[in-house]
C-alpha atoms as a PDB file:
ATOM      1  CA  MET A   1    -166.473  21.881  -8.801  1.00  0.00           C
ATOM      2  CA  GLU A   2    -166.735  24.145 -11.818  1.00  0.00           C
ATOM      3  CA  ILE A   3    -169.258  26.307  -9.962  1.00  0.00           C
ATOM      4  CA  LEU A   4    -166.836  26.718  -7.031  1.00  0.00           C
ATOM      5  CA  THR A   5    -164.014  27.626  -9.401  1.00  0.00           C
ATOM      6  CA  THR A   6    -166.224  30.191 -11.108  1.00  0.00           C
ATOM      7  CA  LEU A   7    -167.238  31.678  -7.759  1.00  0.00           C
ATOM      8  CA  ARG A   8    -163.581  31.940  -6.720  1.00  0.00           C
ATOM      9  CA  LYS A   9    -162.793  33.741  -9.975  1.00  0.00           C
ATOM     10  CA  ILE A  10    -165.659  36.144  -9.384  1.00  0.00           C
ATOM     11  CA  ARG A  11    -164.441  36.823  -5.831  1.00  0.00           C
ATOM     12  CA  VAL A  12    -160.888  37.429  -7.069  1.00  0.00           C
ATOM     13  CA  PHE A  13    -162.209  39.758  -9.767  1.00  0.00           C
ATOM     14  CA  LEU A  14    -164.304  41.696  -7.260  1.00  0.00           C
ATOM     15  CA  ASP A  15    -161.372  41.922  -4.842  1.00  0.00           C
ATOM     16  CA  LEU A  16    -159.124  43.250  -7.596  1.00  0.00           C
ATOM     17  CA  LYS A  17    -161.797  45.738  -8.592  1.00  0.00           C
ATOM     18  CA  ARG A  18    -162.101  46.962  -5.005  1.00  0.00           C
ATOM     19  CA  ILE A  19    -158.333  47.327  -4.750  1.00  0.00           C
ATOM     20  CA  SER A  20    -158.230  49.220  -8.054  1.00  0.00           C
ATOM     21  CA  LEU A  21    -160.994  51.564  -6.954  1.00  0.00           C
ATOM     22  CA  PHE A  22    -159.212  52.136  -3.653  1.00  0.00           C
ATOM     23  CA  TRP A  23    -156.023  53.168  -5.417  1.00  0.00           C
ATOM     24  CA  VAL A  24    -157.927  55.388  -7.856  1.00  0.00           C
ATOM     25  CA  PHE A  25    -159.620  57.250  -4.997  1.00  0.00           C
ATOM     26  CA  PHE A  26    -156.447  57.310  -2.903  1.00  0.00           C
ATOM     27  CA  LEU A  27    -154.302  58.733  -5.697  1.00  0.00           C
ATOM     28  CA  GLY A  28    -157.067  61.198  -6.540  1.00  0.00           C
ATOM     29  CA  PHE A  29    -157.153  62.307  -2.920  1.00  0.00           C
ATOM     30  CA  LEU A  30    -153.365  62.728  -2.854  1.00  0.00           C
ATOM     31  CA  GLY A  31    -153.592  64.765  -6.056  1.00  0.00           C
ATOM     32  CA  MET A  32    -156.141  67.092  -4.461  1.00  0.00           C
ATOM     33  CA  VAL A  33    -153.956  67.506  -1.360  1.00  0.00           C
ATOM     34  CA  TRP A  34    -150.881  68.299  -3.446  1.00  0.00           C
ATOM     35  CA  ALA A  35    -152.846  70.737  -5.615  1.00  0.00           C
ATOM     36  CA  GLN A  36    -154.171  72.522  -2.517  1.00  0.00           C
ATOM     37  CA  GLU A  37    -150.681  72.750  -1.011  1.00  0.00           C
ATOM     38  CA  ASN A  38    -149.262  74.120  -4.261  1.00  0.00           C
ATOM     39  CA  LEU A  39    -152.060  76.679  -4.440  1.00  0.00           C
ATOM     40  CA  GLU A  40    -151.515  77.789  -0.838  1.00  0.00           C
ATOM     41  CA  GLN A  41    -147.797  78.179  -1.515  1.00  0.00           C
ATOM     42  CA  ALA A  42    -148.530  80.204  -4.658  1.00  0.00           C
ATOM     43  CA  PHE A  43    -150.802  82.570  -2.718  1.00  0.00           C
ATOM     44  CA  GLN A  44    -148.287  82.869   0.114  1.00  0.00           C
ATOM     45  CA  LYS A  45    -145.523  83.663  -2.382  1.00  0.00           C
ATOM     46  CA  SER A  46    -147.729  86.226  -4.120  1.00  0.00           C
ATOM     47  CA  TYR A  47    -148.387  88.023  -0.804  1.00  0.00           C
ATOM     48  CA  SER A  48    -144.678  88.128   0.032  1.00  0.00           C
ATOM     49  CA  LEU A  49    -143.751  89.449  -3.410  1.00  0.00           C
ATOM     50  CA  GLU A  50    -146.570  92.007  -3.317  1.00  0.00           C
ATOM     51  CA  ASN A  51    -145.358  93.284   0.057  1.00  0.00           C
ATOM     52  CA  SER A  52    -141.881  93.760  -1.406  1.00  0.00           C
ATOM     53  CA  GLY A  53    -143.304  95.665  -4.390  1.00  0.00           C
ATOM     54  CA  ASP A  54    -142.633  92.903  -6.930  1.00  0.00           C
ATOM     55  CA  PHE A  55    -146.079  92.817  -8.513  1.00  0.00           C
ATOM     56  CA  SER A  56    -144.912  91.064 -11.680  1.00  0.00           C
ATOM     57  CA  GLY A  57    -143.373  88.277  -9.613  1.00  0.00           C
ATOM     58  CA  ALA A  58    -146.556  87.971  -7.552  1.00  0.00           C
ATOM     59  CA  ILE A  59    -148.595  87.664 -10.753  1.00  0.00           C
ATOM     60  CA  LYS A  60    -146.289  84.956 -12.120  1.00  0.00           C
ATOM     61  CA  ALA A  61    -146.519  83.003  -8.853  1.00  0.00           C
ATOM     62  CA  LEU A  62    -150.292  82.763  -9.236  1.00  0.00           C
ATOM     63  CA  GLN A  63    -150.269  82.199 -12.977  1.00  0.00           C
ATOM     64  CA  ALA A  64    -148.107  79.116 -12.401  1.00  0.00           C
ATOM     65  CA  GLN A  65    -151.093  77.567 -10.598  1.00  0.00           C
ATOM     66  CA  TYR A  66    -153.806  79.208 -12.701  1.00  0.00           C
ATOM     67  CA  GLN A  67    -157.258  77.642 -12.757  1.00  0.00           C
ATOM     68  CA  ALA A  68    -159.807  79.315 -15.029  1.00  0.00           C
ATOM     69  CA  ASP A  69    -162.680  78.360 -12.733  1.00  0.00           C
ATOM     70  CA  SER A  70    -161.027  79.710  -9.575  1.00  0.00           C
ATOM     71  CA  TYR A  71    -162.762  82.847  -8.311  1.00  0.00           C
ATOM     72  CA  GLU A  72    -159.994  83.499  -5.794  1.00  0.00           C
ATOM     73  CA  ILE A  73    -157.154  83.333  -8.332  1.00  0.00           C
ATOM     74  CA  ASN A  74    -158.905  85.617 -10.825  1.00  0.00           C
ATOM     75  CA  LEU A  75    -159.834  88.100  -8.098  1.00  0.00           C
ATOM     76  CA  ARG A  76    -156.278  88.241  -6.772  1.00  0.00           C
ATOM     77  CA  LEU A  77    -154.806  88.514 -10.261  1.00  0.00           C
ATOM     78  CA  GLY A  78    -157.122  91.446 -10.962  1.00  0.00           C
ATOM     79  CA  TRP A  79    -155.764  93.278  -7.919  1.00  0.00           C
ATOM     80  CA  LEU A  80    -152.100  92.497  -8.646  1.00  0.00           C
ATOM     81  CA  GLN A  81    -152.419  93.418 -12.318  1.00  0.00           C
ATOM     82  CA  TYR A  82    -154.043  96.704 -11.320  1.00  0.00           C
ATOM     83  CA  GLN A  83    -151.117  97.486  -9.021  1.00  0.00           C
ATOM     84  CA  ALA A  84    -148.667  96.514 -11.766  1.00  0.00           C
ATOM     85  CA  GLY A  85    -150.342  98.921 -14.185  1.00  0.00           C
ATOM     86  CA  GLN A  86    -151.609  96.069 -16.372  1.00  0.00           C
ATOM     87  CA  LEU A  87    -155.032  97.633 -16.625  1.00  0.00           C
ATOM     88  CA  ALA A  88    -156.478  95.665 -19.546  1.00  0.00           C
ATOM     89  CA  GLU A  89    -155.407  92.394 -17.914  1.00  0.00           C
ATOM     90  CA  SER A  90    -156.818  93.566 -14.583  1.00  0.00           C
ATOM     91  CA  ILE A  91    -160.204  94.308 -16.136  1.00  0.00           C
ATOM     92  CA  GLU A  92    -160.250  90.878 -17.780  1.00  0.00           C
ATOM     93  CA  SER A  93    -159.390  89.070 -14.527  1.00  0.00           C
ATOM     94  CA  TYR A  94    -161.983  90.989 -12.517  1.00  0.00           C
ATOM     95  CA  GLN A  95    -164.609  90.323 -15.194  1.00  0.00           C
ATOM     96  CA  LYS A  96    -163.841  86.599 -14.969  1.00  0.00           C
ATOM     97  CA  ALA A  97    -164.302  86.780 -11.201  1.00  0.00           C
ATOM     98  CA  VAL A  98    -167.621  88.595 -11.713  1.00  0.00           C
ATOM     99  CA  ARG A  99    -168.813  85.862 -14.070  1.00  0.00           C
ATOM    100  CA  LEU A 100    -167.823  83.175 -11.565  1.00  0.00           C
ATOM    101  CA  LYS A 101    -169.635  84.921  -8.687  1.00  0.00           C
ATOM    102  CA  PRO A 102    -172.299  87.128 -10.330  1.00  0.00           C
ATOM    103  CA  TYR A 103    -173.933  88.124  -7.035  1.00  0.00           C
ATOM    104  CA  ALA A 104    -170.679  89.064  -5.316  1.00  0.00           C
ATOM    105  CA  ILE A 105    -169.956  92.743  -4.686  1.00  0.00           C
ATOM    106  CA  GLU A 106    -166.240  92.209  -4.085  1.00  0.00           C
ATOM    107  CA  PRO A 107    -165.110  91.682  -7.714  1.00  0.00           C
ATOM    108  CA  LYS A 108    -167.278  94.529  -8.972  1.00  0.00           C
ATOM    109  CA  MET A 109    -165.675  96.927  -6.484  1.00  0.00           C
ATOM    110  CA  GLY A 110    -162.320  95.691  -7.734  1.00  0.00           C
ATOM    111  CA  LEU A 111    -163.329  96.141 -11.365  1.00  0.00           C
ATOM    112  CA  VAL A 112    -164.010  99.854 -10.940  1.00  0.00           C
ATOM    113  CA  LEU A 113    -160.348 100.437 -10.000  1.00  0.00           C
ATOM    114  CA  PRO A 114    -158.811  99.867 -13.459  1.00  0.00           C
ATOM    115  CA  LEU A 115    -161.924 101.292 -15.133  1.00  0.00           C
ATOM    116  CA  SER A 116    -161.587 104.537 -13.158  1.00  0.00           C
ATOM    117  CA  VAL A 117    -157.867 104.912 -13.924  1.00  0.00           C
ATOM    118  CA  GLN A 118    -158.675 104.729 -17.629  1.00  0.00           C
ATOM    119  CA  GLY A 119    -161.499 107.241 -17.300  1.00  0.00           C
ATOM    120  CA  MET A 120    -164.103 104.681 -18.361  1.00  0.00           C
ATOM    121  CA  TRP A 121    -166.818 106.398 -16.343  1.00  0.00           C
ATOM    122  CA  ALA A 122    -169.770 104.954 -18.234  1.00  0.00           C
ATOM    123  CA  GLU A 123    -168.521 101.462 -17.360  1.00  0.00           C
ATOM    124  CA  VAL A 124    -167.870 102.546 -13.764  1.00  0.00           C
ATOM    125  CA  GLU A 125    -171.421 103.889 -13.525  1.00  0.00           C
ATOM    126  CA  GLU A 126    -172.841 100.675 -14.975  1.00  0.00           C
ATOM    127  CA  THR A 127    -170.852  98.585 -12.478  1.00  0.00           C
ATOM    128  CA  TYR A 128    -172.019 100.683  -9.525  1.00  0.00           C
ATOM    129  CA  LEU A 129    -175.638 100.384 -10.638  1.00  0.00           C
ATOM    130  CA  LYS A 130    -175.249  96.597 -10.777  1.00  0.00           C
ATOM    131  CA  ILE A 131    -173.897  96.638  -7.221  1.00  0.00           C
ATOM    132  CA  LEU A 132    -176.902  98.639  -6.039  1.00  0.00           C
ATOM    133  CA  GLN A 133    -179.223  96.062  -7.588  1.00  0.00           C
ATOM    134  CA  ILE A 134    -177.656  93.571  -5.164  1.00  0.00           C
ATOM    135  CA  ASP A 135    -177.059  95.938  -2.233  1.00  0.00           C
ATOM    136  CA  PRO A 136    -179.233  99.082  -2.506  1.00  0.00           C
ATOM    137  CA  GLN A 137    -178.032 100.395   0.864  1.00  0.00           C
ATOM    138  CA  ASN A 138    -174.334 100.330   0.016  1.00  0.00           C
ATOM    139  CA  SER A 139    -173.283 103.762   1.275  1.00  0.00           C
ATOM    140  CA  LEU A 140    -169.923 103.868  -0.502  1.00  0.00           C
ATOM    141  CA  VAL A 141    -171.414 103.068  -3.899  1.00  0.00           C
ATOM    142  CA  ASN A 142    -174.302 105.498  -3.385  1.00  0.00           C
ATOM    143  CA  TYR A 143    -171.775 108.204  -2.506  1.00  0.00           C
ATOM    144  CA  ARG A 144    -169.573 107.484  -5.505  1.00  0.00           C
ATOM    145  CA  LEU A 145    -172.517 107.463  -7.908  1.00  0.00           C
ATOM    146  CA  GLY A 146    -173.700 110.744  -6.423  1.00  0.00           C
ATOM    147  CA  LEU A 147    -170.206 112.155  -6.902  1.00  0.00           C
ATOM    148  CA  ILE A 148    -170.088 111.027 -10.539  1.00  0.00           C
ATOM    149  CA  TYR A 149    -173.406 112.726 -11.276  1.00  0.00           C
ATOM    150  CA  TYR A 150    -172.398 115.833  -9.312  1.00  0.00           C
ATOM    151  CA  ASN A 151    -169.194 116.177 -11.330  1.00  0.00           C
ATOM    152  CA  ARG A 152    -171.229 115.865 -14.514  1.00  0.00           C
ATOM    153  CA  GLY A 153    -173.466 118.688 -13.326  1.00  0.00           C
ATOM    154  CA  ASN A 154    -176.408 116.291 -13.121  1.00  0.00           C
ATOM    155  CA  PHE A 155    -177.492 117.484  -9.681  1.00  0.00           C
ATOM    156  CA  ASP A 156    -181.057 116.134  -9.857  1.00  0.00           C
ATOM    157  CA  LYS A 157    -179.713 112.656 -10.550  1.00  0.00           C
ATOM    158  CA  ALA A 158    -177.089 112.907  -7.810  1.00  0.00           C
ATOM    159  CA  ASP A 159    -179.547 113.966  -5.126  1.00  0.00           C
ATOM    160  CA  PRO A 160    -181.291 110.664  -4.235  1.00  0.00           C
ATOM    161  CA  TYR A 161    -177.992 108.811  -3.964  1.00  0.00           C
ATOM    162  CA  LEU A 162    -176.502 111.440  -1.662  1.00  0.00           C
ATOM    163  CA  GLU A 163    -179.718 111.627   0.352  1.00  0.00           C
ATOM    164  CA  LYS A 164    -179.472 107.902   0.960  1.00  0.00           C
ATOM    165  CA  VAL A 165    -175.891 108.233   2.219  1.00  0.00           C
ATOM    166  CA  VAL A 166    -176.863 110.918   4.722  1.00  0.00           C
ATOM    167  CA  ASN A 167    -179.953 108.988   5.799  1.00  0.00           C
ATOM    168  CA  LEU A 168    -177.737 105.999   6.539  1.00  0.00           C
ATOM    169  CA  TYR A 169    -174.924 108.040   8.116  1.00  0.00           C
ATOM    170  CA  PRO A 170    -176.413 111.372   9.282  1.00  0.00           C
ATOM    171  CA  PHE A 171    -173.130 112.714  10.688  1.00  0.00           C
ATOM    172  CA  ASP A 172    -170.742 111.520   7.968  1.00  0.00           C
ATOM    173  CA  TYR A 173    -168.490 114.367   6.843  1.00  0.00           C
ATOM    174  CA  ASP A 174    -168.164 113.451   3.153  1.00  0.00           C
ATOM    175  CA  GLY A 175    -171.851 112.681   2.714  1.00  0.00           C
ATOM    176  CA  LEU A 176    -172.984 115.876   4.447  1.00  0.00           C
ATOM    177  CA  LEU A 177    -170.596 118.114   2.534  1.00  0.00           C
ATOM    178  CA  LEU A 178    -171.360 116.756  -0.922  1.00  0.00           C
ATOM    179  CA  LEU A 179    -175.106 116.771  -0.286  1.00  0.00           C
ATOM    180  CA  ALA A 180    -174.849 120.369   0.960  1.00  0.00           C
ATOM    181  CA  TRP A 181    -173.120 121.468  -2.231  1.00  0.00           C
ATOM    182  CA  ASN A 182    -175.596 119.502  -4.328  1.00  0.00           C
ATOM    183  CA  LYS A 183    -178.522 121.230  -2.571  1.00  0.00           C
ATOM    184  CA  LEU A 184    -176.846 124.574  -3.188  1.00  0.00           C
ATOM    185  CA  GLN A 185    -176.537 123.759  -6.898  1.00  0.00           C
ATOM    186  CA  LEU A 186    -180.224 122.832  -6.907  1.00  0.00           C
ATOM    187  CA  GLN A 187    -180.931 126.232  -5.308  1.00  0.00           C
ATOM    188  CA  LYS A 188    -182.376 124.580  -2.219  1.00  0.00           C
ATOM    189  CA  SER A 189    -180.853 127.193   0.048  1.00  0.00           C
ATOM    190  CA  ARG A 190    -182.494 126.271   3.345  1.00  0.00           C
ATOM    191  CA  GLU A 191    -181.502 122.610   3.091  1.00  0.00           C
ATOM    192  CA  ALA A 192    -177.997 123.541   1.962  1.00  0.00           C
ATOM    193  CA  LYS A 193    -177.550 125.886   4.930  1.00  0.00           C
ATOM    194  CA  VAL A 194    -178.607 123.251   7.464  1.00  0.00           C
ATOM    195  CA  LEU A 195    -176.245 120.716   5.909  1.00  0.00           C
ATOM    196  CA  PHE A 196    -173.275 123.103   5.808  1.00  0.00           C
ATOM    197  CA  GLN A 197    -173.891 123.904   9.472  1.00  0.00           C
ATOM    198  CA  LYS A 198    -173.837 120.187  10.293  1.00  0.00           C
ATOM    199  CA  VAL A 199    -170.530 119.881   8.448  1.00  0.00           C
ATOM    200  CA  LEU A 200    -169.135 122.577  10.749  1.00  0.00           C
ATOM    201  CA  LEU A 201    -170.237 120.530  13.755  1.00  0.00           C
ATOM    202  CA  ASN A 202    -168.373 117.548  12.352  1.00  0.00           C
ATOM    203  CA  ASN A 203    -165.323 119.579  11.356  1.00  0.00           C
ATOM    204  CA  PRO A 204    -165.346 123.044  12.996  1.00  0.00           C
ATOM    205  CA  GLY A 205    -163.885 125.695  10.750  1.00  0.00           C
ATOM    206  CA  ASP A 206    -164.231 123.594   7.599  1.00  0.00           C
ATOM    207  CA  ALA A 207    -163.229 125.821   4.666  1.00  0.00           C
ATOM    208  CA  SER A 208    -165.572 124.239   2.122  1.00  0.00           C
ATOM    209  CA  ALA A 209    -168.601 124.533   4.421  1.00  0.00           C
ATOM    210  CA  LYS A 210    -167.762 128.176   5.167  1.00  0.00           C
ATOM    211  CA  GLU A 211    -167.437 128.877   1.455  1.00  0.00           C
ATOM    212  CA  GLY A 212    -170.852 127.326   0.848  1.00  0.00           C
ATOM    213  CA  LEU A 213    -172.483 129.350   3.619  1.00  0.00           C
ATOM    214  CA  ALA A 214    -170.918 132.543   2.262  1.00  0.00           C
ATOM    215  CA  LEU A 215    -172.519 131.891  -1.107  1.00  0.00           C
ATOM    216  CA  LEU A 216    -175.916 131.602   0.582  1.00  0.00           C
ATOM    217  CA  LYS A 217    -175.788 135.085   2.117  1.00  0.00           C
END
């Protein structure tokens, strides 16, 4: 009799434990659903406020649901803070996104926005070089690095980046024109002439290409 009573107690205990676990998981699931809904609403509100030009309001909408380990929140905050002119905060948010997704190009491209506005070109250069370690064929980043070096007068350093752009996109106006001017600065007249002529095929009558050709005569 005592054994049966003990077994019943064990069964009751196990049943109660199962019920408790069920409610723990159920309430946890509901919490996740509510958190997801709140986050979706915060993002939706931030988009609406951004479209109306209220960047501060959009930032506050996301900060109300802030999660330090959320790549998406930090990335979006970086963009909104940049638009709001909160450059230091934008850099911090983008850097958090970079740390959360170290192999992602997206947050690094975002990071260069506030860095560029503040004239932090060494940091911009470093960020672009990190992107090229992940994506060596990125034409936009190769072009921008080439442009940075061109503007510094470092034409030898600019050349391979601009060459890569034109190799990837042989009839791209911006790539052709900048490479043409870079070749001219390197005193590679024949290559510069061919490139300027290609620019004129892309954009007949182009003033910059005509100016370059005139300097070669």
